[in-house]
């Protein structure tokens, strides 16, 4: 049990760090492009920016899923990539179909993977809400400056 907790904690830490790094890169890019976004055709640019930000966040999620899948392979829970990746996706997204299960001695990792996914999806939702809030706030500030 202790080994599972250590492995799961390390994987959670790694995926959270990766997520934070992706958020950092997104913030830097948004800061550098804010002038471009808020001038002409800002609605189209807002839709484009939100699409890019969402895909960027999903890329970070995908990396997290792959990290868990490779960890499952590395510790010998699964012998091939497909069930390892499938289980990782189903657990990370908290779907938990139950058609593929971990061996009893590793089943605690399933809950940790699901908790990790729940945390990451919550962080991503907060990031995207903040992105929209900042975009709207900057847009209104630009309109106020024009008055």
N, C-alpha and C. Protein backbone atom coordinates (compact mmCIF):
# COMPACT_ATOMS: atom_id res chain seq x y z
N UNK A 1 0.82 -1.19 0.00
CA UNK A 1 0.00 0.00 0.00
C UNK A 1 0.87 1.26 0.00
N UNK A 2 1.93 1.26 0.80
CA UNK A 2 2.80 2.43 0.88
C UNK A 2 3.44 2.72 -0.47
N UNK A 3 3.86 1.67 -1.17
CA UNK A 3 4.48 1.84 -2.49
C UNK A 3 3.49 2.49 -3.46
N UNK A 4 2.25 2.05 -3.41
CA UNK A 4 1.22 2.63 -4.28
C UNK A 4 1.02 4.12 -3.98
N UNK A 5 0.99 4.46 -2.71
CA UNK A 5 0.83 5.86 -2.33
C UNK A 5 2.01 6.71 -2.80
N UNK A 6 3.21 6.18 -2.69
CA UNK A 6 4.39 6.92 -3.13
C UNK A 6 4.36 7.10 -4.65
N UNK A 7 4.11 6.01 -5.37
CA UNK A 7 4.06 6.10 -6.84
C UNK A 7 2.95 7.06 -7.27
N UNK A 8 1.77 6.90 -6.70
CA UNK A 8 0.65 7.78 -7.05
C UNK A 8 0.93 9.24 -6.73
N UNK A 9 1.54 9.49 -5.59
CA UNK A 9 1.86 10.87 -5.20
C UNK A 9 2.87 11.49 -6.15
N UNK A 10 3.86 10.71 -6.55
CA UNK A 10 4.85 11.21 -7.51
C UNK A 10 4.19 11.52 -8.85
N UNK A 11 3.34 10.62 -9.31
CA UNK A 11 2.65 10.85 -10.59
C UNK A 11 1.74 12.07 -10.52
N UNK A 12 1.05 12.24 -9.41
CA UNK A 12 0.19 13.42 -9.25
C UNK A 12 1.04 14.68 -9.26
N UNK A 13 2.15 14.67 -8.54
CA UNK A 13 3.03 15.85 -8.51
C UNK A 13 3.55 16.18 -9.91
N UNK A 14 3.97 15.16 -10.63
CA UNK A 14 4.49 15.39 -11.99
C UNK A 14 3.42 15.97 -12.90
N UNK A 15 2.22 15.42 -12.87
CA UNK A 15 1.17 15.94 -13.75
C UNK A 15 0.73 17.35 -13.36
N UNK A 16 0.72 17.65 -12.08
CA UNK A 16 0.37 19.01 -11.65
C UNK A 16 1.45 19.99 -12.08
N UNK A 17 2.70 19.61 -11.97
CA UNK A 17 3.80 20.48 -12.42
C UNK A 17 3.70 20.73 -13.92
N UNK A 18 3.42 19.68 -14.68
CA UNK A 18 3.27 19.84 -16.13
C UNK A 18 2.10 20.77 -16.44
N UNK A 19 0.99 20.58 -15.74
CA UNK A 19 -0.17 21.44 -15.94
C UNK A 19 0.19 22.90 -15.62
N UNK A 20 0.88 23.12 -14.52
CA UNK A 20 1.28 24.48 -14.15
C UNK A 20 2.20 25.08 -15.21
N UNK A 21 3.11 24.28 -15.75
CA UNK A 21 4.00 24.75 -16.81
C UNK A 21 3.19 25.14 -18.05
N UNK A 22 2.21 24.32 -18.42
CA UNK A 22 1.36 24.65 -19.56
C UNK A 22 0.59 25.95 -19.30
N UNK A 23 0.08 26.13 -18.08
CA UNK A 23 -0.61 27.37 -17.75
C UNK A 23 0.33 28.57 -17.84
N UNK A 24 1.54 28.39 -17.37
CA UNK A 24 2.54 29.46 -17.43
C UNK A 24 2.80 29.87 -18.88
N UNK A 25 3.03 28.90 -19.75
CA UNK A 25 3.26 29.19 -21.17
C UNK A 25 2.06 29.91 -21.76
N UNK A 26 0.86 29.46 -21.44
CA UNK A 26 -0.35 30.10 -21.95
C UNK A 26 -0.44 31.55 -21.47
N UNK A 27 -0.13 31.79 -20.22
CA UNK A 27 -0.16 33.17 -19.68
C UNK A 27 0.85 34.06 -20.39
N UNK A 28 2.04 33.55 -20.63
CA UNK A 28 3.08 34.34 -21.33
C UNK A 28 2.60 34.68 -22.73
N UNK A 29 2.07 33.70 -23.44
CA UNK A 29 1.58 33.94 -24.80
C UNK A 29 0.42 34.93 -24.78
N UNK A 30 -0.50 34.78 -23.83
CA UNK A 30 -1.63 35.71 -23.75
C UNK A 30 -1.17 37.13 -23.45
N UNK A 31 -0.19 37.27 -22.58
CA UNK A 31 0.34 38.61 -22.29
C UNK A 31 0.96 39.25 -23.53
N UNK A 32 1.68 38.46 -24.30
CA UNK A 32 2.35 38.99 -25.49
C UNK A 32 1.39 39.29 -26.63
N UNK A 33 0.23 38.61 -26.65
CA UNK A 33 -0.71 38.80 -27.75
C UNK A 33 -1.93 39.63 -27.35
N UNK A 34 -1.96 40.16 -26.14
CA UNK A 34 -3.17 40.86 -25.69
C UNK A 34 -3.50 42.07 -26.55
N UNK A 35 -2.50 42.79 -27.03
CA UNK A 35 -2.77 43.93 -27.90
C UNK A 35 -3.42 43.51 -29.20
N UNK A 36 -2.95 42.42 -29.76
CA UNK A 36 -3.51 41.91 -31.01
C UNK A 36 -4.94 41.44 -30.81
N UNK A 37 -5.20 40.81 -29.70
CA UNK A 37 -6.52 40.24 -29.45
C UNK A 37 -7.59 41.32 -29.33
N UNK A 38 -7.27 42.44 -28.72
CA UNK A 38 -8.31 43.40 -28.34
C UNK A 38 -8.54 44.52 -29.35
N UNK A 39 -7.87 44.48 -30.49
CA UNK A 39 -8.22 45.49 -31.49
C UNK A 39 -9.26 44.91 -32.44
N UNK A 40 -9.27 45.29 -33.67
CA UNK A 40 -10.32 44.90 -34.62
C UNK A 40 -10.61 43.39 -34.61
N UNK A 41 -11.86 43.07 -34.89
CA UNK A 41 -12.35 41.68 -34.97
C UNK A 41 -12.08 40.92 -33.67
N UNK A 42 -12.27 41.58 -32.56
CA UNK A 42 -11.93 40.95 -31.28
C UNK A 42 -12.81 39.75 -30.94
N UNK A 43 -14.04 39.69 -31.42
CA UNK A 43 -14.90 38.54 -31.14
C UNK A 43 -14.37 37.28 -31.82
N UNK A 44 -13.97 37.43 -33.07
CA UNK A 44 -13.38 36.30 -33.79
C UNK A 44 -12.07 35.88 -33.13
N UNK A 45 -11.28 36.86 -32.72
CA UNK A 45 -10.01 36.57 -32.07
C UNK A 45 -10.24 35.94 -30.69
N UNK A 46 -11.30 36.35 -30.02
CA UNK A 46 -11.62 35.75 -28.71
C UNK A 46 -11.99 34.28 -28.89
N UNK A 47 -12.79 33.99 -29.90
CA UNK A 47 -13.17 32.60 -30.17
C UNK A 47 -11.94 31.78 -30.54
N UNK A 48 -11.10 32.34 -31.37
CA UNK A 48 -9.86 31.66 -31.76
C UNK A 48 -8.97 31.42 -30.54
N UNK A 49 -8.80 32.44 -29.72
CA UNK A 49 -7.94 32.33 -28.54
C UNK A 49 -8.47 31.30 -27.55
N UNK A 50 -9.78 31.29 -27.35
CA UNK A 50 -10.38 30.31 -26.44
C UNK A 50 -10.20 28.89 -26.98
N UNK A 51 -10.34 28.73 -28.29
CA UNK A 51 -10.13 27.42 -28.91
C UNK A 51 -8.70 26.95 -28.70
N UNK A 52 -7.75 27.84 -28.95
CA UNK A 52 -6.33 27.49 -28.77
C UNK A 52 -6.04 27.18 -27.30
N UNK A 53 -6.57 27.99 -26.39
CA UNK A 53 -6.34 27.76 -24.96
C UNK A 53 -6.93 26.41 -24.52
N UNK A 54 -8.11 26.09 -25.02
CA UNK A 54 -8.75 24.82 -24.66
C UNK A 54 -7.95 23.63 -25.20
N UNK A 55 -7.51 23.72 -26.44
CA UNK A 55 -6.69 22.65 -27.01
C UNK A 55 -5.35 22.52 -26.28
N UNK A 56 -4.80 23.65 -25.86
CA UNK A 56 -3.55 23.65 -25.10
C UNK A 56 -3.73 22.92 -23.77
N UNK A 57 -4.84 23.20 -23.10
CA UNK A 57 -5.16 22.54 -21.83
C UNK A 57 -5.37 21.04 -22.06
N UNK A 58 -6.05 20.69 -23.14
CA UNK A 58 -6.26 19.27 -23.44
C UNK A 58 -4.94 18.57 -23.75
N UNK A 59 -3.99 19.28 -24.34
CA UNK A 59 -2.67 18.69 -24.58
C UNK A 59 -2.01 18.34 -23.25
N UNK A 60 -2.13 19.22 -22.28
CA UNK A 60 -1.57 18.95 -20.95
C UNK A 60 -2.27 17.74 -20.32
N UNK A 61 -3.58 17.65 -20.49
CA UNK A 61 -4.32 16.49 -19.97
C UNK A 61 -3.83 15.21 -20.62
N UNK A 62 -3.63 15.27 -21.92
CA UNK A 62 -3.16 14.09 -22.65
C UNK A 62 -1.80 13.62 -22.14
N UNK A 63 -0.93 14.56 -21.87
CA UNK A 63 0.39 14.20 -21.33
C UNK A 63 0.22 13.50 -19.98
N UNK A 64 -0.67 14.02 -19.15
CA UNK A 64 -0.93 13.39 -17.86
C UNK A 64 -1.43 11.96 -18.01
N UNK A 65 -2.33 11.74 -18.95
CA UNK A 65 -2.86 10.40 -19.20
C UNK A 65 -1.73 9.46 -19.66
N UNK A 66 -0.89 9.95 -20.56
CA UNK A 66 0.22 9.13 -21.06
C UNK A 66 1.21 8.81 -19.94
N UNK A 67 1.45 9.76 -19.06
CA UNK A 67 2.36 9.51 -17.93
C UNK A 67 1.83 8.36 -17.07
N UNK A 68 0.54 8.40 -16.76
CA UNK A 68 -0.06 7.32 -15.98
C UNK A 68 0.01 6.00 -16.75
N UNK A 69 -0.27 6.03 -18.04
CA UNK A 69 -0.24 4.80 -18.84
C UNK A 69 1.16 4.18 -18.84
N UNK A 70 2.18 5.01 -19.03
CA UNK A 70 3.54 4.48 -19.02
C UNK A 70 3.95 3.99 -17.64
N UNK A 71 3.45 4.66 -16.61
CA UNK A 71 3.73 4.19 -15.25
C UNK A 71 3.11 2.81 -15.02
N UNK A 72 1.87 2.62 -15.48
CA UNK A 72 1.23 1.31 -15.35
C UNK A 72 2.03 0.24 -16.08
N UNK A 73 2.54 0.59 -17.25
CA UNK A 73 3.38 -0.35 -18.00
C UNK A 73 4.68 -0.64 -17.26
N UNK A 74 5.31 0.41 -16.78
CA UNK A 74 6.62 0.28 -16.13
C UNK A 74 6.56 -0.61 -14.88
N UNK A 75 5.51 -0.47 -14.10
CA UNK A 75 5.43 -1.27 -12.87
C UNK A 75 4.85 -2.66 -13.12
N UNK A 76 4.47 -2.92 -14.38
CA UNK A 76 4.01 -4.25 -14.74
C UNK A 76 2.55 -4.53 -14.50
N UNK A 77 1.76 -3.49 -14.30
CA UNK A 77 0.32 -3.68 -14.11
C UNK A 77 -0.32 -4.20 -15.40
N UNK A 78 0.12 -3.65 -16.53
CA UNK A 78 -0.34 -4.09 -17.85
C UNK A 78 0.87 -4.50 -18.67
N UNK A 79 0.66 -5.39 -19.61
CA UNK A 79 1.78 -5.86 -20.43
C UNK A 79 1.84 -5.19 -21.79
N UNK A 80 0.75 -4.55 -22.21
CA UNK A 80 0.73 -3.84 -23.49
C UNK A 80 0.20 -2.42 -23.29
N UNK A 81 0.48 -1.58 -24.28
CA UNK A 81 0.12 -0.17 -24.16
C UNK A 81 -1.38 0.08 -24.22
N UNK A 82 -2.10 -0.62 -25.06
CA UNK A 82 -3.53 -0.31 -25.26
C UNK A 82 -4.34 -0.40 -23.97
N UNK A 83 -4.30 -1.50 -23.23
CA UNK A 83 -5.09 -1.52 -21.99
C UNK A 83 -4.57 -0.54 -20.95
N UNK A 84 -3.28 -0.30 -20.96
CA UNK A 84 -2.70 0.65 -20.02
C UNK A 84 -3.21 2.07 -20.31
N UNK A 85 -3.20 2.44 -21.58
CA UNK A 85 -3.68 3.76 -21.97
C UNK A 85 -5.19 3.87 -21.77
N UNK A 86 -5.91 2.83 -22.13
CA UNK A 86 -7.36 2.82 -21.94
C UNK A 86 -7.72 2.99 -20.47
N UNK A 87 -7.09 2.20 -19.60
CA UNK A 87 -7.38 2.31 -18.18
C UNK A 87 -7.02 3.69 -17.66
N UNK A 88 -5.91 4.22 -18.13
CA UNK A 88 -5.48 5.55 -17.70
C UNK A 88 -6.50 6.62 -18.09
N UNK A 89 -6.99 6.57 -19.31
CA UNK A 89 -8.00 7.54 -19.76
C UNK A 89 -9.29 7.39 -18.97
N UNK A 90 -9.74 6.17 -18.81
CA UNK A 90 -11.01 5.92 -18.09
C UNK A 90 -10.89 6.35 -16.63
N UNK A 91 -9.76 6.11 -16.03
CA UNK A 91 -9.58 6.51 -14.63
C UNK A 91 -9.36 8.01 -14.49
N UNK A 92 -8.49 8.58 -15.33
CA UNK A 92 -8.16 10.00 -15.26
C UNK A 92 -9.39 10.87 -15.47
N UNK A 93 -10.28 10.43 -16.35
CA UNK A 93 -11.50 11.19 -16.61
C UNK A 93 -12.61 10.85 -15.62
N UNK A 94 -12.32 9.97 -14.68
CA UNK A 94 -13.23 9.50 -13.63
C UNK A 94 -14.47 8.79 -14.18
N UNK A 95 -14.38 8.26 -15.40
CA UNK A 95 -15.49 7.46 -15.93
C UNK A 95 -15.60 6.14 -15.20
N UNK A 96 -14.48 5.44 -15.08
CA UNK A 96 -14.45 4.19 -14.33
C UNK A 96 -15.40 3.12 -14.84
N UNK A 97 -15.30 2.76 -16.10
CA UNK A 97 -16.20 1.75 -16.67
C UNK A 97 -16.17 0.43 -15.92
N UNK A 98 -15.00 0.01 -15.47
CA UNK A 98 -14.90 -1.24 -14.74
C UNK A 98 -14.67 -2.46 -15.61
N UNK A 99 -14.52 -2.27 -16.92
CA UNK A 99 -14.28 -3.42 -17.79
C UNK A 99 -12.81 -3.84 -17.77
N UNK A 100 -11.92 -2.93 -17.41
CA UNK A 100 -10.50 -3.25 -17.22
C UNK A 100 -10.16 -2.84 -15.79
N UNK A 101 -9.62 -3.76 -15.03
CA UNK A 101 -9.32 -3.49 -13.62
C UNK A 101 -7.85 -3.72 -13.34
N UNK A 102 -7.37 -3.05 -12.32
CA UNK A 102 -6.01 -3.28 -11.86
C UNK A 102 -5.97 -4.53 -10.98
N UNK A 103 -4.83 -5.20 -10.96
CA UNK A 103 -4.70 -6.30 -10.00
C UNK A 103 -4.89 -5.77 -8.57
N UNK A 104 -5.35 -6.63 -7.69
CA UNK A 104 -5.66 -6.24 -6.32
C UNK A 104 -4.51 -5.49 -5.65
N UNK A 105 -3.29 -5.94 -5.87
CA UNK A 105 -2.15 -5.32 -5.21
C UNK A 105 -1.83 -3.91 -5.73
N UNK A 106 -2.46 -3.49 -6.84
CA UNK A 106 -2.23 -2.16 -7.40
C UNK A 106 -3.49 -1.32 -7.49
N UNK A 107 -4.62 -1.78 -7.00
CA UNK A 107 -5.88 -1.09 -7.23
C UNK A 107 -5.98 0.29 -6.59
N UNK A 108 -5.19 0.57 -5.59
CA UNK A 108 -5.20 1.91 -4.99
C UNK A 108 -4.77 2.97 -6.01
N UNK A 109 -3.95 2.57 -6.97
CA UNK A 109 -3.52 3.51 -8.01
C UNK A 109 -4.70 4.00 -8.86
N UNK A 110 -5.72 3.20 -9.02
CA UNK A 110 -6.89 3.61 -9.79
C UNK A 110 -7.55 4.84 -9.16
N UNK A 111 -7.72 4.80 -7.86
CA UNK A 111 -8.31 5.94 -7.16
C UNK A 111 -7.42 7.16 -7.21
N UNK A 112 -6.11 6.96 -7.11
CA UNK A 112 -5.18 8.09 -7.17
C UNK A 112 -5.17 8.70 -8.57
N UNK A 113 -5.25 7.86 -9.59
CA UNK A 113 -5.33 8.36 -10.96
C UNK A 113 -6.61 9.18 -11.16
N UNK A 114 -7.72 8.69 -10.64
CA UNK A 114 -8.99 9.41 -10.74
C UNK A 114 -8.94 10.73 -9.96
N UNK A 115 -8.35 10.70 -8.78
CA UNK A 115 -8.22 11.94 -8.00
C UNK A 115 -7.35 12.93 -8.73
N UNK A 116 -6.29 12.43 -9.37
CA UNK A 116 -5.41 13.30 -10.16
C UNK A 116 -6.18 13.95 -11.30
N UNK A 117 -6.96 13.15 -12.02
CA UNK A 117 -7.74 13.69 -13.13
C UNK A 117 -8.75 14.73 -12.66
N UNK A 118 -9.40 14.43 -11.55
CA UNK A 118 -10.38 15.38 -11.00
C UNK A 118 -9.70 16.70 -10.65
N UNK A 119 -8.55 16.62 -10.03
CA UNK A 119 -7.79 17.82 -9.68
C UNK A 119 -7.38 18.60 -10.93
N UNK A 120 -6.85 17.90 -11.91
CA UNK A 120 -6.37 18.55 -13.13
C UNK A 120 -7.53 19.18 -13.91
N UNK A 121 -8.65 18.49 -13.99
CA UNK A 121 -9.80 19.07 -14.68
C UNK A 121 -10.33 20.30 -13.95
N UNK A 122 -10.30 20.27 -12.63
CA UNK A 122 -10.70 21.44 -11.86
C UNK A 122 -9.78 22.63 -12.09
N UNK A 123 -8.48 22.36 -12.08
CA UNK A 123 -7.51 23.42 -12.35
C UNK A 123 -7.68 23.99 -13.76
N UNK A 124 -7.94 23.12 -14.70
CA UNK A 124 -8.12 23.55 -16.09
C UNK A 124 -9.38 24.39 -16.25
N UNK A 125 -10.43 23.98 -15.59
CA UNK A 125 -11.67 24.76 -15.62
C UNK A 125 -11.44 26.14 -15.03
N UNK A 126 -10.75 26.21 -13.91
CA UNK A 126 -10.44 27.50 -13.30
C UNK A 126 -9.59 28.35 -14.23
N UNK A 127 -8.63 27.73 -14.89
CA UNK A 127 -7.78 28.47 -15.83
C UNK A 127 -8.61 29.05 -16.97
N UNK A 128 -9.49 28.24 -17.56
CA UNK A 128 -10.27 28.72 -18.70
C UNK A 128 -11.28 29.79 -18.28
N UNK A 129 -11.86 29.65 -17.10
CA UNK A 129 -12.76 30.70 -16.59
C UNK A 129 -11.98 31.99 -16.37
N UNK A 130 -10.80 31.88 -15.81
CA UNK A 130 -9.97 33.07 -15.59
C UNK A 130 -9.54 33.68 -16.93
N UNK A 131 -9.25 32.84 -17.90
CA UNK A 131 -8.92 33.32 -19.24
C UNK A 131 -10.05 34.17 -19.80
N UNK A 132 -11.28 33.65 -19.71
CA UNK A 132 -12.44 34.39 -20.21
C UNK A 132 -12.67 35.67 -19.42
N UNK A 133 -12.50 35.60 -18.11
CA UNK A 133 -12.68 36.79 -17.27
C UNK A 133 -11.66 37.86 -17.64
N UNK A 134 -10.42 37.46 -17.79
CA UNK A 134 -9.38 38.42 -18.16
C UNK A 134 -9.62 38.99 -19.54
N UNK A 135 -10.07 38.15 -20.44
CA UNK A 135 -10.35 38.63 -21.80
C UNK A 135 -11.46 39.66 -21.78
N UNK A 136 -12.55 39.36 -21.06
CA UNK A 136 -13.67 40.30 -20.98
C UNK A 136 -13.27 41.58 -20.28
N UNK A 137 -12.52 41.46 -19.21
CA UNK A 137 -12.08 42.63 -18.46
C UNK A 137 -11.18 43.52 -19.32
N UNK A 138 -10.27 42.93 -20.06
CA UNK A 138 -9.39 43.71 -20.93
C UNK A 138 -10.17 44.35 -22.06
N UNK A 139 -11.17 43.66 -22.55
CA UNK A 139 -12.00 44.21 -23.62
C UNK A 139 -12.74 45.45 -23.14
N UNK A 140 -13.34 45.36 -21.94
CA UNK A 140 -14.07 46.51 -21.41
C UNK A 140 -13.11 47.65 -21.07
N UNK A 141 -11.93 47.31 -20.63
CA UNK A 141 -10.94 48.35 -20.33
C UNK A 141 -10.54 49.07 -21.62
N UNK A 142 -10.39 48.31 -22.71
CA UNK A 142 -10.07 48.89 -24.01
C UNK A 142 -11.18 49.81 -24.47
N UNK A 143 -12.44 49.39 -24.27
CA UNK A 143 -13.57 50.23 -24.63
C UNK A 143 -13.62 51.49 -23.77
N UNK A 144 -13.33 51.38 -22.47
CA UNK A 144 -13.30 52.55 -21.60
C UNK A 144 -12.19 53.51 -22.00
N UNK A 145 -11.05 53.00 -22.39
CA UNK A 145 -9.92 53.83 -22.81
C UNK A 145 -10.26 54.58 -24.09
N UNK A 146 -11.11 53.99 -24.93
CA UNK A 146 -11.49 54.63 -26.20
C UNK A 146 -12.44 55.80 -25.97
N UNK A 147 -13.15 55.78 -24.83
CA UNK A 147 -14.14 56.86 -24.54
C UNK A 147 -13.51 58.16 -24.23
